[in-house]
Amino acid sequence: MAAAELDYEFVLDEEFDAISLDKKKSVDEILSGKYPAKNHARKVAQELGVDEGIIYLVGEPERRFPDSDQGPKFRQQRYFYYLSGVDYAGCTVTYDIGRDTLVLWIPYTEPKKSHWFGSTPSTAQAARLYDADQVHYASDLADYITSLPASATLYALHPEQRPPQLVRHQSFRARSSDGPRIDTDALGPAMNRAREVKDAYEVALIRRANDISSEAHRRVARSLLRMSNESHLQAVFEAVCTARDAHSQAYPVIAGAGPNGATLHYGANNAPLEPCATVVLDAGCEYRCYASDITRTLPVGGSFSPRAAAINGIVARMQSECIERMRPGAFFYEIHIHAGRVAVDGLLQLGILRGTREEIIAAGTVAAFFTHGLGHHVGLEVHDVVGDVPLMMPAAAEMVGSGGGGGGGARRGLGKRTMLTPEGLAAVGRLSRATAAEKQRTVLRAGMVLTVEPGLYFNRAYLEGFFRDDPVHAGLIEWDVVERYYPVGGSRTEDCILVTESGYENLTTAPKGPELLDVINGREGSKPRRG
């Protein structure tokens, strides 16, 4: 089928669902207010543990490609957004901790520039739009910075983000002690700790992003039988999100069919769909800078092959049993251990693993197929920051292989984006014998939003390159059986889970399990949608 034959028309009427209407009203009510930047600033100050000082955060500037009048799509600095709620270029925010004063510094737009690109708010308009005590034009920022007393401490994220006026001022004085002390070490960790637990406004934004992405997944499933290329899944998903005012994806869409589904961050999305194949669709939009992250594994022809169904069934059990364990006081790495043991039992039953359950678990061999962490925080980043201790594997970090982990100052911890080796998995298993005080540092707390995304993968290059000749693991894998599963590629199911005071709430409503098959095959009828 040619791409032109696909239906790209989207009717935006909402299906009637009393539960969904109540939820929508509640989200709309929350988001009708201002983004709670001032409360976030107070939260960061509390994490800094100081009573005085200035927090200084710069937003994303306007950028242009070299030798071009075009630039990349604008993406606001996430730490800046957390203390401002402002999503346009050229801004700065300062927070005077002692005076409890949040000041937004915004650019002035000349009238001729506004004719071409539109205007940014005036200071008066910005004061009405944003949760700041004062709003001034950025041209006045230099005077404010240079007027700070020598006794003050200014907190910035990175050395290169120090106020240029203050850097020049101190350089001119030959590095004398005049002027405020600049601390570029404490702010990042404090903000990471503050961002781990989301408030009601942030949860509403993540919920809205999940609602939009869940509907996009549903629309892809409805159209799947008329698709003939991976690119069609991406096109329909992104179109639905855009039509619902989510103009950016939280990460590039992954639509990997057959063996391509065994590549965790597959991005080509241009291979034909084979009738008997499965396709791993990992896609989530962002809404007002907050992310969603959803994965579904779909049968291209409307039903899974027996082998794909068997693998998908194991993954479904892994996810459902792990989600039920999400609650305050639970330890995320122990939930991962449980997922691995469900996988061991399933793969043993299929004859993919051999030997005793105990020796397979002790060796960590299931990590050859379940190759990543169970999940990660979701928030202003799809792989959101963590505080001082990774939830997944605090004491086993040195045992975990390097995957595609997030870098920079925003510490992501050890989650789905980190390759988990058998040695690392075995080290995680040993953490269950850690002292209660040590384990307490990795406890789940109400207000955290994390993915639960187990998966099983048959990546020929990885399995045969690292395990076929391994003296420990080669004998625990039945290679003749594995050969028959390579065409399956991979299977992953992923939802965003909010930890609540009493347990959890699944923020993801994209169809899965039998409901997903009904949607693909046109059997939805008048069935109510999951709340």
Protein backbone atom coordinates (compact mmCIF):
# COMPACT_ATOMS: atom_id res chain seq x y z
CA MET A 1 0.00 0.00 0.00
CA ALA A 2 1.35 3.41 -0.91
CA ALA A 3 1.74 5.96 1.84
CA ALA A 4 -0.70 8.26 0.04
CA GLU A 5 -3.48 5.72 0.65
CA LEU A 6 -3.25 6.07 4.41
CA ASP A 7 -5.93 8.08 6.17
CA TYR A 8 -4.31 11.13 7.73
CA GLU A 9 -7.58 12.86 8.60
CA PHE A 10 -8.21 13.14 12.32
CA VAL A 11 -11.58 13.87 13.81
CA LEU A 12 -10.95 15.53 17.13
CA ASP A 13 -14.28 14.87 18.83
CA GLU A 14 -13.99 13.13 22.20
CA GLU A 15 -15.70 9.80 22.80
CA PHE A 16 -18.08 9.97 25.74
CA ASP A 17 -16.62 8.52 28.90
CA ALA A 18 -17.75 9.89 32.25
CA ILE A 19 -14.51 8.91 33.99
CA SER A 20 -12.39 10.48 31.27
CA LEU A 21 -14.50 13.66 31.36
CA ASP A 22 -14.00 14.00 35.11
CA LYS A 23 -10.28 13.48 34.72
CA LYS A 24 -10.10 15.97 31.84
CA LYS A 25 -11.96 18.58 33.88
CA SER A 26 -9.60 18.10 36.79
CA VAL A 27 -6.50 18.39 34.57
CA ASP A 28 -7.92 21.45 32.82
CA GLU A 29 -8.64 23.09 36.17
CA ILE A 30 -5.10 22.51 37.40
CA LEU A 31 -3.46 23.68 34.17
CA SER A 32 -5.59 26.83 34.01
CA GLY A 33 -3.42 28.20 36.82
CA LYS A 34 0.17 29.38 36.64
CA TYR A 35 3.05 26.95 36.50
CA PRO A 36 4.26 26.81 40.16
CA ALA A 37 7.74 28.25 39.60
CA LYS A 38 7.91 30.00 42.96
CA ASN A 39 7.18 26.81 44.90
CA HIS A 40 9.82 25.05 42.83
CA ALA A 41 12.34 27.75 43.74
CA ARG A 42 11.54 27.32 47.43
CA LYS A 43 11.89 23.55 47.06
CA VAL A 44 15.35 23.94 45.49
CA ALA A 45 16.43 26.35 48.23
CA GLN A 46 15.35 23.81 50.82
CA GLU A 47 17.43 21.15 49.08
CA LEU A 48 20.40 23.53 49.01
CA GLY A 49 20.06 23.83 52.78
CA VAL A 50 20.88 27.55 52.90
CA ASP A 51 19.02 30.65 54.08
CA GLU A 52 20.79 33.19 51.88
CA GLY A 53 22.10 33.39 48.34
CA ILE A 54 21.03 33.92 44.74
CA ILE A 55 19.99 31.13 42.37
CA TYR A 56 20.88 32.11 38.79
CA LEU A 57 19.57 30.13 35.80
CA VAL A 58 19.85 30.99 32.14
CA GLY A 59 17.36 29.88 29.52
CA GLU A 60 18.08 28.68 26.01
CA PRO A 61 19.31 31.47 23.68
CA GLU A 62 18.37 31.87 20.05
CA ARG A 63 20.63 29.72 17.90
CA ARG A 64 21.52 29.52 14.21
CA PHE A 65 23.25 26.80 12.26
CA PRO A 66 26.73 27.78 10.99
CA ASP A 67 26.58 29.69 7.70
CA SER A 68 22.77 29.67 7.72
CA ASP A 69 19.85 31.88 8.62
CA GLN A 70 18.04 28.80 9.98
CA GLY A 71 18.40 27.23 13.40
CA PRO A 72 17.42 24.11 15.32
CA LYS A 73 13.94 23.74 16.73
CA PHE A 74 13.79 25.64 20.01
CA ARG A 75 14.01 23.52 23.17
CA GLN A 76 14.04 25.30 26.50
CA GLN A 77 16.66 24.51 29.14
CA ARG A 78 14.84 22.20 31.54
CA TYR A 79 16.40 23.45 34.76
CA PHE A 80 15.48 27.00 33.77
CA TYR A 81 11.92 25.97 32.95
CA TYR A 82 11.56 24.33 36.37
CA LEU A 83 12.09 27.72 38.05
CA SER A 84 10.23 29.84 35.50
CA GLY A 85 7.62 28.05 33.36
CA VAL A 86 8.82 30.19 30.43
CA ASP A 87 9.22 28.55 27.03
CA TYR A 88 10.85 31.10 24.74
CA ALA A 89 14.41 32.20 24.10
CA GLY A 90 16.66 34.74 25.73
CA CYS A 91 15.40 34.69 29.34
CA THR A 92 17.06 34.41 32.75
CA VAL A 93 15.60 33.76 36.19
CA THR A 94 17.03 34.69 39.60
CA TYR A 95 15.80 33.72 43.03
CA ASP A 96 16.91 35.60 46.13
CA ILE A 97 16.65 32.93 48.81
CA GLY A 98 16.78 35.25 51.80
CA ARG A 99 14.17 37.66 50.41
CA ASP A 100 12.08 34.86 48.84
CA THR A 101 11.96 36.85 45.59
CA LEU A 102 11.74 35.25 42.16
CA VAL A 103 12.63 37.59 39.29
CA LEU A 104 12.16 36.85 35.61
CA TRP A 105 14.38 38.67 33.10
CA ILE A 106 12.93 38.67 29.58
CA PRO A 107 14.05 40.05 26.20
CA TYR A 108 12.47 43.11 24.65
CA THR A 109 11.10 42.56 21.16
CA GLU A 110 11.50 45.41 18.71
CA PRO A 111 8.36 46.10 16.64
CA LYS A 112 10.04 45.30 13.31
CA LYS A 113 11.17 41.92 14.67
CA SER A 114 7.69 41.14 15.93
CA HIS A 115 6.41 41.68 12.37
CA TRP A 116 8.54 38.75 11.21
CA PHE A 117 8.51 36.38 14.17
CA GLY A 118 5.84 37.60 16.58
CA SER A 119 6.53 39.29 19.89
CA THR A 120 7.47 38.02 23.32
CA PRO A 121 5.33 39.26 26.23
CA SER A 122 5.97 42.65 27.73
CA THR A 123 6.98 42.82 31.39
CA ALA A 124 3.37 43.58 32.35
CA GLN A 125 2.03 40.68 30.31
CA ALA A 126 4.67 38.31 31.67
CA ALA A 127 3.79 39.28 35.23
CA ARG A 128 0.23 38.09 34.53
CA LEU A 129 1.34 34.90 32.78
CA TYR A 130 4.09 33.60 35.05
CA ASP A 131 4.58 32.85 38.72
CA ALA A 132 7.24 35.50 39.43
CA ASP A 133 7.41 38.29 41.99
CA GLN A 134 8.96 40.69 39.51
CA VAL A 135 9.56 40.81 35.75
CA HIS A 136 12.23 43.02 34.19
CA TYR A 137 13.85 43.31 30.79
CA ALA A 138 17.09 41.41 30.35
CA SER A 139 18.90 44.66 29.57
CA ASP A 140 18.67 45.51 33.29
CA LEU A 141 20.16 42.23 34.47
CA ALA A 142 23.80 43.37 34.35
CA ASP A 143 23.16 46.16 36.84
CA TYR A 144 21.46 43.75 39.22
CA ILE A 145 24.27 41.19 39.02
CA THR A 146 27.09 43.68 39.56
CA SER A 147 25.25 45.26 42.51
CA LEU A 148 25.24 42.00 44.51
CA PRO A 149 27.25 42.34 47.74
CA ALA A 150 30.56 40.57 48.27
CA SER A 151 28.99 38.58 51.10
CA ALA A 152 26.50 36.91 48.76
CA THR A 153 26.80 33.48 47.16
CA LEU A 154 25.49 33.06 43.64
CA TYR A 155 24.48 29.50 42.68
CA ALA A 156 24.80 28.54 39.00
CA LEU A 157 24.59 25.16 37.28
CA HIS A 158 27.88 25.11 35.39
CA PRO A 159 31.02 27.26 35.20
CA GLU A 160 30.10 28.33 31.67
CA GLN A 161 26.71 29.54 32.93
CA ARG A 162 28.14 32.09 35.38
CA PRO A 163 26.85 35.63 34.79
CA PRO A 164 29.13 37.13 32.12
CA GLN A 165 28.93 40.55 33.77
CA LEU A 166 30.19 39.14 37.07
CA VAL A 167 32.90 37.07 35.41
CA ARG A 168 34.22 40.14 33.57
CA HIS A 169 33.87 42.21 36.73
CA GLN A 170 35.96 39.81 38.81
CA SER A 171 38.48 39.23 36.03
CA PHE A 172 39.03 42.99 35.77
CA ARG A 173 39.82 43.06 39.49
CA ALA A 174 42.54 40.48 38.97
CA ARG A 175 40.64 37.73 40.80
CA SER A 176 40.31 39.75 43.97
CA SER A 177 37.84 38.74 46.65
CA ASP A 178 35.46 41.54 45.63
CA GLY A 179 32.06 40.47 44.36
CA PRO A 180 29.87 37.49 45.26
CA ARG A 181 31.24 33.98 45.51
CA ILE A 182 30.05 31.80 42.63
CA ASP A 183 29.12 28.19 43.47
CA THR A 184 28.72 25.86 40.49
CA ASP A 185 28.71 22.60 42.47
CA ALA A 186 25.67 22.63 44.75
CA LEU A 187 22.79 23.75 42.52
CA GLY A 188 22.63 20.81 40.10
CA PRO A 189 22.33 18.09 42.79
CA ALA A 190 19.81 20.20 44.73
CA MET A 191 17.63 20.67 41.66
CA ASN A 192 17.86 16.97 40.83
CA ARG A 193 16.60 16.11 44.29
CA ALA A 194 13.80 18.66 43.98
CA ARG A 195 12.71 17.36 40.57
CA GLU A 196 12.46 13.70 41.63
CA VAL A 197 9.05 14.15 43.29
CA LYS A 198 6.42 15.89 41.17
CA ASP A 199 3.73 18.25 42.40
CA ALA A 200 0.09 18.20 41.26
CA TYR A 201 0.74 20.64 38.39
CA GLU A 202 3.60 18.55 37.03
CA VAL A 203 1.55 15.36 37.32
CA ALA A 204 -1.25 17.06 35.37
CA LEU A 205 1.20 17.94 32.57
CA ILE A 206 2.58 14.39 32.46
CA ARG A 207 -0.96 13.03 32.52
CA ARG A 208 -1.94 15.24 29.57
CA ALA A 209 1.14 14.13 27.62
CA ASN A 210 0.21 10.50 28.34
CA ASP A 211 -3.41 11.05 27.29
CA ILE A 212 -2.35 12.53 23.95
CA SER A 213 0.26 9.83 23.33
CA SER A 214 -2.15 7.08 24.35
CA GLU A 215 -4.68 8.32 21.81
CA ALA A 216 -1.94 8.42 19.17
CA HIS A 217 -1.02 4.80 19.96
CA ARG A 218 -4.71 3.89 19.62
CA ARG A 219 -4.93 5.59 16.23
CA VAL A 220 -1.83 3.74 15.01
CA ALA A 221 -3.37 0.45 16.10
CA ARG A 222 -6.60 1.27 14.25
CA SER A 223 -4.66 1.92 11.05
CA LEU A 224 -2.08 -0.87 11.38
CA LEU A 225 -3.68 -3.34 8.95
CA ARG A 226 -3.48 -0.70 6.20
CA MET A 227 0.19 0.11 6.82
CA SER A 228 3.07 -1.31 4.82
CA ASN A 229 6.13 0.50 6.18
CA GLU A 230 7.55 1.47 9.58
CA SER A 231 7.37 5.11 8.49
CA HIS A 232 3.58 4.93 8.45
CA LEU A 233 3.46 4.29 12.19
CA GLN A 234 5.65 7.31 12.85
CA ALA A 235 3.62 9.54 10.52
CA VAL A 236 0.26 8.69 12.09
CA PHE A 237 1.58 8.94 15.64
CA GLU A 238 3.13 12.36 15.15
CA ALA A 239 0.09 13.68 13.26
CA VAL A 240 -2.28 12.78 16.10
CA CYS A 241 -0.01 14.44 18.67
CA THR A 242 0.33 17.60 16.60
CA ALA A 243 -3.44 17.81 16.12
CA ARG A 244 -3.78 17.82 19.92
CA ASP A 245 -1.33 20.69 20.45
CA ALA A 246 1.67 18.49 21.30
CA HIS A 247 4.10 19.73 18.66
CA SER A 248 7.24 18.02 19.98
CA GLN A 249 8.10 14.42 20.69
CA ALA A 250 9.78 13.65 23.99
CA TYR A 251 12.25 11.52 22.01
CA PRO A 252 12.52 10.28 18.40
CA VAL A 253 9.82 7.76 17.51
CA ILE A 254 11.00 4.14 17.49
CA ALA A 255 9.07 1.91 15.08
CA GLY A 256 11.10 -1.29 14.69
CA ALA A 257 9.56 -4.23 12.86
CA GLY A 258 10.85 -7.81 13.06
CA PRO A 259 14.57 -7.94 13.88
CA ASN A 260 14.65 -4.12 14.02
CA GLY A 261 12.64 -4.39 17.22
CA ALA A 262 15.71 -5.92 18.88
CA THR A 263 17.55 -2.58 18.58
CA LEU A 264 16.59 -0.56 21.65
CA HIS A 265 16.90 2.88 20.08
CA TYR A 266 16.19 1.99 16.46
CA GLY A 267 15.55 5.14 14.50
CA ALA A 268 15.53 4.49 10.75
CA ASN A 269 11.77 3.75 10.65
CA ASN A 270 11.85 3.01 6.91
CA ALA A 271 11.68 -0.78 6.54
CA PRO A 272 8.70 -2.58 5.01
CA LEU A 273 6.28 -4.39 7.32
CA GLU A 274 6.18 -8.14 6.81
CA PRO A 275 2.72 -9.70 7.39
CA CYS A 276 3.88 -12.11 10.12
CA ALA A 277 6.17 -9.64 11.88
CA THR A 278 5.70 -7.70 15.09
CA VAL A 279 6.60 -4.04 15.43
CA VAL A 280 7.84 -2.32 18.58
CA LEU A 281 6.38 1.20 18.71
CA ASP A 282 8.08 3.30 21.39
CA ALA A 283 6.68 6.82 21.13
CA GLY A 284 5.61 9.62 23.44
CA CYS A 285 4.97 13.31 22.96
CA GLU A 286 5.80 16.12 25.33
CA TYR A 287 3.25 18.67 26.48
CA ARG A 288 4.45 22.06 27.76
CA CYS A 289 7.94 20.61 28.18
CA TYR A 290 6.79 17.51 30.15
CA ALA A 291 7.32 14.06 28.69
CA SER A 292 5.45 10.83 28.20
CA ASP A 293 7.04 7.48 27.33
CA ILE A 294 4.92 4.60 26.00
CA THR A 295 5.77 1.38 24.19
CA ARG A 296 3.49 -1.17 22.58
CA THR A 297 4.37 -4.28 20.57
CA LEU A 298 1.90 -4.83 17.75
CA PRO A 299 1.29 -7.77 15.36
CA VAL A 300 1.50 -6.41 11.81
CA GLY A 301 -1.06 -8.87 10.42
CA GLY A 302 -3.50 -8.56 13.31
CA SER A 303 -2.39 -11.60 15.31
CA PHE A 304 0.90 -12.71 16.83
CA SER A 305 2.81 -15.70 15.53
CA PRO A 306 3.01 -18.47 18.15
CA ARG A 307 6.59 -17.56 19.08
CA ALA A 308 5.89 -13.83 19.19
CA ALA A 309 2.79 -14.48 21.29
CA ALA A 310 4.84 -16.53 23.74
CA ILE A 311 7.45 -13.80 24.17
CA ASN A 312 4.81 -11.08 24.37
CA GLY A 313 3.01 -13.09 27.04
CA ILE A 314 6.14 -13.28 29.20
CA VAL A 315 6.70 -9.54 28.87
CA ALA A 316 3.07 -8.86 29.77
CA ARG A 317 3.45 -10.90 32.96
CA MET A 318 6.69 -9.13 33.79
CA GLN A 319 5.03 -5.76 33.48
CA SER A 320 1.74 -6.49 35.23
CA GLU A 321 3.43 -8.10 38.25
CA CYS A 322 5.95 -5.28 38.52
CA ILE A 323 3.33 -2.52 38.29
CA GLU A 324 1.46 -4.15 41.16
CA ARG A 325 4.60 -3.75 43.26
CA MET A 326 4.89 0.01 42.71
CA ARG A 327 4.13 1.74 46.01
CA PRO A 328 5.78 4.09 48.52
CA GLY A 329 8.50 2.30 50.42
CA ALA A 330 9.19 -0.22 47.65
CA PHE A 331 12.70 -0.61 46.26
CA PHE A 332 12.82 -0.26 42.49
CA TYR A 333 15.82 -2.51 42.03
CA GLU A 334 13.97 -5.32 43.83
CA ILE A 335 11.06 -4.88 41.41
CA HIS A 336 13.57 -5.24 38.58
CA ILE A 337 14.85 -8.44 40.15
CA HIS A 338 11.30 -9.79 40.17
CA ALA A 339 10.91 -8.95 36.47
CA GLY A 340 14.08 -10.89 35.71
CA ARG A 341 12.85 -13.94 37.59
CA VAL A 342 9.53 -13.93 35.72
CA ALA A 343 11.58 -13.80 32.52
CA VAL A 344 13.76 -16.71 33.65
CA ASP A 345 10.68 -18.85 34.32
CA GLY A 346 9.16 -18.00 30.94
CA LEU A 347 12.31 -18.55 28.91
CA LEU A 348 12.98 -21.84 30.70
CA GLN A 349 9.50 -23.02 29.80
CA LEU A 350 10.09 -22.15 26.13
CA GLY A 351 13.44 -23.98 26.15
CA ILE A 352 15.42 -20.81 25.38
CA LEU A 353 17.27 -21.12 28.69
CA ARG A 354 18.47 -24.42 30.12
CA GLY A 355 19.84 -25.55 33.44
CA THR A 356 18.32 -24.90 36.84
CA ARG A 357 16.46 -21.75 37.76
CA GLU A 358 18.89 -21.13 40.61
CA GLU A 359 22.06 -21.27 38.51
CA ILE A 360 20.56 -19.05 35.79
CA ILE A 361 19.55 -16.45 38.37
CA ALA A 362 22.92 -16.62 40.11
CA ALA A 363 24.74 -16.11 36.79
CA GLY A 364 22.43 -13.29 35.63
CA THR A 365 22.11 -14.94 32.20
CA VAL A 366 18.61 -13.58 31.61
CA ALA A 367 20.29 -10.19 31.03
CA ALA A 368 21.26 -11.52 27.61
CA PHE A 369 17.58 -11.08 26.68
CA PHE A 370 16.32 -8.53 29.24
CA THR A 371 19.13 -6.14 28.51
CA HIS A 372 18.16 -2.93 30.29
CA GLY A 373 16.81 -1.56 33.54
CA LEU A 374 13.13 -1.83 34.33
CA GLY A 375 12.47 1.89 33.98
CA HIS A 376 13.38 5.48 34.75
CA HIS A 377 11.95 8.73 36.06
CA VAL A 378 9.77 10.79 33.69
CA GLY A 379 9.31 14.55 33.92
CA LEU A 380 10.93 17.50 32.19
CA GLU A 381 13.13 14.93 30.46
CA VAL A 382 11.92 11.60 29.18
CA HIS A 383 14.86 10.05 31.07
CA ASP A 384 14.48 12.46 33.93
CA VAL A 385 17.07 13.34 36.54
CA VAL A 386 17.58 11.47 39.80
CA GLY A 387 18.77 12.70 43.16
CA ASP A 388 21.86 11.57 44.99
CA VAL A 389 21.26 7.80 44.68
CA PRO A 390 20.01 5.96 41.58
CA LEU A 391 16.78 4.11 42.29
CA MET A 392 17.81 1.16 40.21
CA MET A 393 21.24 -0.04 41.30
CA PRO A 394 23.00 2.16 43.85
CA ALA A 395 25.78 -0.19 44.91
CA ALA A 396 26.18 -2.01 41.60
CA ALA A 397 27.04 0.92 39.34
CA GLU A 398 30.56 -0.28 38.69
CA MET A 399 29.19 -3.65 37.55
CA VAL A 400 26.86 -2.24 34.89
CA GLY A 401 28.00 -1.84 31.31
CA SER A 402 27.83 1.48 29.52
CA GLY A 403 24.85 1.75 27.23
CA GLY A 404 23.41 4.93 25.78
CA GLY A 405 23.13 6.70 29.10
CA GLY A 406 22.17 10.33 29.39
CA GLY A 407 25.06 12.61 30.18
CA GLY A 408 25.85 16.15 31.15
CA GLY A 409 25.07 17.60 34.51
CA ALA A 410 21.62 16.00 34.57
CA ARG A 411 22.29 12.72 36.26
CA ARG A 412 19.98 10.04 34.88
CA GLY A 413 21.04 7.18 37.13
CA LEU A 414 20.90 3.59 35.96
CA GLY A 415 17.68 2.78 34.19
CA LYS A 416 16.35 1.59 30.86
CA ARG A 417 18.94 3.63 28.99
CA THR A 418 21.83 1.70 30.55
CA MET A 419 22.93 -1.69 29.22
CA LEU A 420 22.57 -4.22 32.01
CA THR A 421 25.19 -6.99 31.86
CA PRO A 422 24.76 -10.37 33.56
CA GLU A 423 27.42 -9.33 36.06
CA GLY A 424 25.46 -6.17 36.78
CA LEU A 425 22.22 -8.10 37.22
CA ALA A 426 23.93 -10.51 39.61
CA ALA A 427 25.25 -7.52 41.57
CA VAL A 428 21.73 -6.10 41.74
CA GLY A 429 20.54 -9.42 43.12
CA ARG A 430 23.07 -9.21 45.91
CA LEU A 431 21.67 -5.82 46.95
CA SER A 432 18.75 -7.61 48.58
CA ARG A 433 21.15 -8.44 51.40
CA ALA A 434 22.04 -4.78 51.97
CA THR A 435 21.22 -3.22 55.30
CA ALA A 436 17.86 -1.54 55.72
CA ALA A 437 19.53 1.86 56.14
CA GLU A 438 21.40 1.45 52.84
CA LYS A 439 18.30 0.32 50.99
CA GLN A 440 16.25 3.20 52.38
CA ARG A 441 18.23 5.59 50.18
CA THR A 442 16.58 4.08 47.08
CA VAL A 443 12.98 3.94 48.23
CA LEU A 444 10.04 4.94 46.03
CA ARG A 445 8.13 8.00 47.22
CA ALA A 446 4.66 9.35 46.47
CA GLY A 447 4.79 11.85 43.62
CA MET A 448 7.47 10.03 41.64
CA VAL A 449 6.59 9.14 38.04
CA LEU A 450 8.51 6.21 36.57
CA THR A 451 8.20 3.93 33.60
CA VAL A 452 7.77 0.20 33.99
CA GLU A 453 9.03 -1.20 30.69
CA PRO A 454 10.28 -4.77 30.68
CA GLY A 455 11.36 -6.26 27.37
CA LEU A 456 12.88 -9.37 25.82
CA TYR A 457 15.10 -9.12 22.75
CA PHE A 458 16.74 -11.48 20.29
CA ASN A 459 19.55 -9.38 18.90
CA ARG A 460 21.79 -11.72 16.94
CA ALA A 461 24.90 -9.51 16.99
CA TYR A 462 24.70 -8.98 20.74
CA LEU A 463 23.82 -12.54 21.72
CA GLU A 464 26.40 -14.22 19.50
CA GLY A 465 29.06 -11.59 20.02
CA PHE A 466 28.98 -11.66 23.82
CA PHE A 467 27.38 -14.92 24.94
CA ARG A 468 27.92 -17.69 22.39
CA ASP A 469 31.49 -18.38 23.50
CA ASP A 470 31.16 -17.22 27.08
CA PRO A 471 32.26 -19.99 29.48
CA VAL A 472 29.48 -19.19 31.96
CA HIS A 473 26.48 -18.22 29.86
CA ALA A 474 26.89 -20.22 26.63
CA GLY A 475 25.88 -23.44 28.35
CA LEU A 476 22.77 -21.88 29.89
CA ILE A 477 21.33 -20.81 26.52
CA GLU A 478 19.79 -23.28 24.05
CA TRP A 479 21.18 -21.83 20.83
CA ASP A 480 19.15 -23.96 18.42
CA VAL A 481 15.97 -22.67 20.01
CA VAL A 482 17.22 -19.07 20.03
CA GLU A 483 17.80 -19.34 16.28
CA ARG A 484 14.07 -19.83 15.79
CA TYR A 485 13.28 -16.67 17.78
CA TYR A 486 15.55 -14.22 15.96
CA PRO A 487 12.75 -13.25 13.51
CA VAL A 488 10.62 -12.17 16.49
CA GLY A 489 13.09 -9.35 17.14
CA GLY A 490 11.90 -7.83 20.38
CA SER A 491 8.92 -7.24 22.63
CA ARG A 492 8.51 -4.36 25.08
CA THR A 493 5.52 -2.90 26.91
CA GLU A 494 5.86 0.41 28.73
CA ASP A 495 3.58 2.57 30.85
CA CYS A 496 4.15 5.68 32.98
CA ILE A 497 3.33 4.96 36.63
CA LEU A 498 2.61 7.58 39.29
CA VAL A 499 3.50 6.48 42.81
CA THR A 500 0.63 7.57 45.08
CA GLU A 501 0.24 7.71 48.84
CA SER A 502 -1.55 4.36 48.83
CA GLY A 503 0.00 2.59 45.84
CA TYR A 504 0.15 3.62 42.20
CA GLU A 505 -1.81 5.04 39.28
CA ASN A 506 -1.14 4.08 35.68
CA LEU A 507 -1.12 7.34 33.70
CA THR A 508 -0.97 5.49 30.37
CA THR A 509 -4.26 4.50 28.74
CA ALA A 510 -2.95 3.20 25.39
CA PRO A 511 -4.58 -0.17 24.64
CA LYS A 512 -2.60 -3.31 25.37
CA GLY A 513 -3.22 -7.02 25.72
CA PRO A 514 -6.54 -8.31 24.31
CA GLU A 515 -7.84 -4.73 23.99
CA LEU A 516 -4.96 -3.88 21.64
CA LEU A 517 -5.82 -6.83 19.39
CA ASP A 518 -9.47 -5.72 19.34
CA VAL A 519 -8.46 -2.22 18.26
CA ILE A 520 -6.16 -3.52 15.51
CA ASN A 521 -8.83 -5.83 14.15
CA GLY A 522 -11.69 -3.34 14.30
CA ARG A 523 -13.50 -4.97 17.21
CA GLU A 524 -13.59 -1.94 19.51
CA GLY A 525 -17.32 -1.43 19.06
CA SER A 526 -18.80 0.46 21.99
CA LYS A 527 -16.41 -0.95 24.59
CA PRO A 528 -15.51 1.65 27.23
CA ARG A 529 -11.98 2.94 27.13
CA ARG A 530 -9.75 2.24 30.09
CA GLY A 531 -9.61 5.04 32.64
